[in-house]
Amino acid sequence: MPRAFVLINANLGTESTLVSKLKKMPNVRQAYFVYGVYDVIAEVEADTMEQLKECIAGSIRGLDEVRSTLTMVVIE
């Protein structure tokens, strides 16, 4: 099952809202508000690589609160 960690830069002041929205997405297993270079980290899992791509590129990156992302696909 394809899995990725998505590091997200959020628009200022929207971090909590973003984490709440991410946690409601069916393919997001975990989402955390963090301190450092990135504001939020999300663990995303899907049945296929195509579904993983759609979740990240379409659903997550399409959120108004998201400024930029860095995706790390897990290799098992």
Protein backbone atom coordinates (compact mmCIF):
# COMPACT_ATOMS: atom_id res chain seq x y z
CA MET A 1 0.00 0.00 0.00
CA PRO A 2 1.65 3.27 -1.10
CA ARG A 3 2.39 5.73 1.70
CA ALA A 4 3.89 9.21 1.83
CA PHE A 5 4.71 11.93 4.31
CA VAL A 6 3.69 15.39 3.14
CA LEU A 7 5.42 18.41 4.68
CA ILE A 8 3.23 21.48 4.32
CA ASN A 9 3.78 25.22 4.57
CA ALA A 10 0.48 26.79 5.54
CA ASN A 11 -0.75 30.32 5.09
CA LEU A 12 -0.15 32.32 8.26
CA GLY A 13 -2.76 31.63 10.95
CA THR A 14 -4.44 28.73 9.15
CA GLU A 15 -2.45 25.84 10.63
CA SER A 16 -5.12 24.57 13.04
CA THR A 17 -7.84 24.76 10.41
CA LEU A 18 -5.60 22.91 7.96
CA VAL A 19 -4.87 20.09 10.41
CA SER A 20 -8.60 19.71 11.10
CA LYS A 21 -9.38 19.49 7.38
CA LEU A 22 -6.58 16.98 6.77
CA LYS A 23 -7.75 14.70 9.59
CA LYS A 24 -11.16 14.45 7.91
CA MET A 25 -9.70 13.21 4.62
CA PRO A 26 -10.07 9.44 4.15
CA ASN A 27 -6.49 8.86 2.94
CA VAL A 28 -4.82 10.94 5.66
CA ARG A 29 -3.77 8.63 8.51
CA GLN A 30 -2.22 11.30 10.75
CA ALA A 31 -1.77 15.08 10.64
CA TYR A 32 0.22 17.24 13.04
CA PHE A 33 0.89 20.94 13.55
CA VAL A 34 4.68 21.18 13.99
CA TYR A 35 7.34 23.83 14.58
CA GLY A 36 10.26 24.28 12.21
CA VAL A 37 10.70 24.85 8.50
CA TYR A 38 7.27 23.30 7.81
CA ASP A 39 4.00 23.97 9.63
CA VAL A 40 2.14 20.68 9.19
CA ILE A 41 3.11 17.07 8.51
CA ALA A 42 0.61 14.55 7.17
CA GLU A 43 0.90 10.80 6.68
CA VAL A 44 -1.05 9.75 3.60
CA GLU A 45 -1.87 6.21 2.50
CA ALA A 46 -3.83 4.86 -0.48
CA ASP A 47 -4.58 1.59 -2.26
CA THR A 48 -2.69 2.58 -5.39
CA MET A 49 0.01 5.04 -6.37
CA GLU A 50 -2.53 6.82 -8.59
CA GLN A 51 -4.89 7.33 -5.63
CA LEU A 52 -1.98 8.58 -3.52
CA LYS A 53 -1.06 11.05 -6.25
CA GLU A 54 -4.65 12.28 -6.54
CA CYS A 55 -4.97 12.74 -2.78
CA ILE A 56 -1.78 14.78 -2.56
CA ALA A 57 -1.89 16.71 -5.83
CA GLY A 58 -5.64 17.21 -5.94
CA SER A 59 -7.09 17.15 -2.46
CA ILE A 60 -4.28 18.35 -0.19
CA ARG A 61 -2.56 20.85 -2.48
CA GLY A 62 -5.98 22.20 -3.48
CA LEU A 63 -6.80 23.39 0.02
CA ASP A 64 -6.83 27.18 0.43
CA GLU A 65 -4.65 26.98 3.54
CA VAL A 66 -1.77 25.22 1.73
CA ARG A 67 1.05 27.47 0.48
CA SER A 68 3.51 24.74 -0.56
CA THR A 69 4.31 21.05 -0.02
CA LEU A 70 7.20 18.64 -0.04
CA THR A 71 6.27 14.98 -0.49
CA MET A 72 8.38 12.03 0.61
CA VAL A 73 7.12 8.69 -0.70
CA VAL A 74 7.91 5.75 1.59
CA ILE A 75 9.96 2.95 0.04
CA GLU A 76 9.53 -0.31 1.91
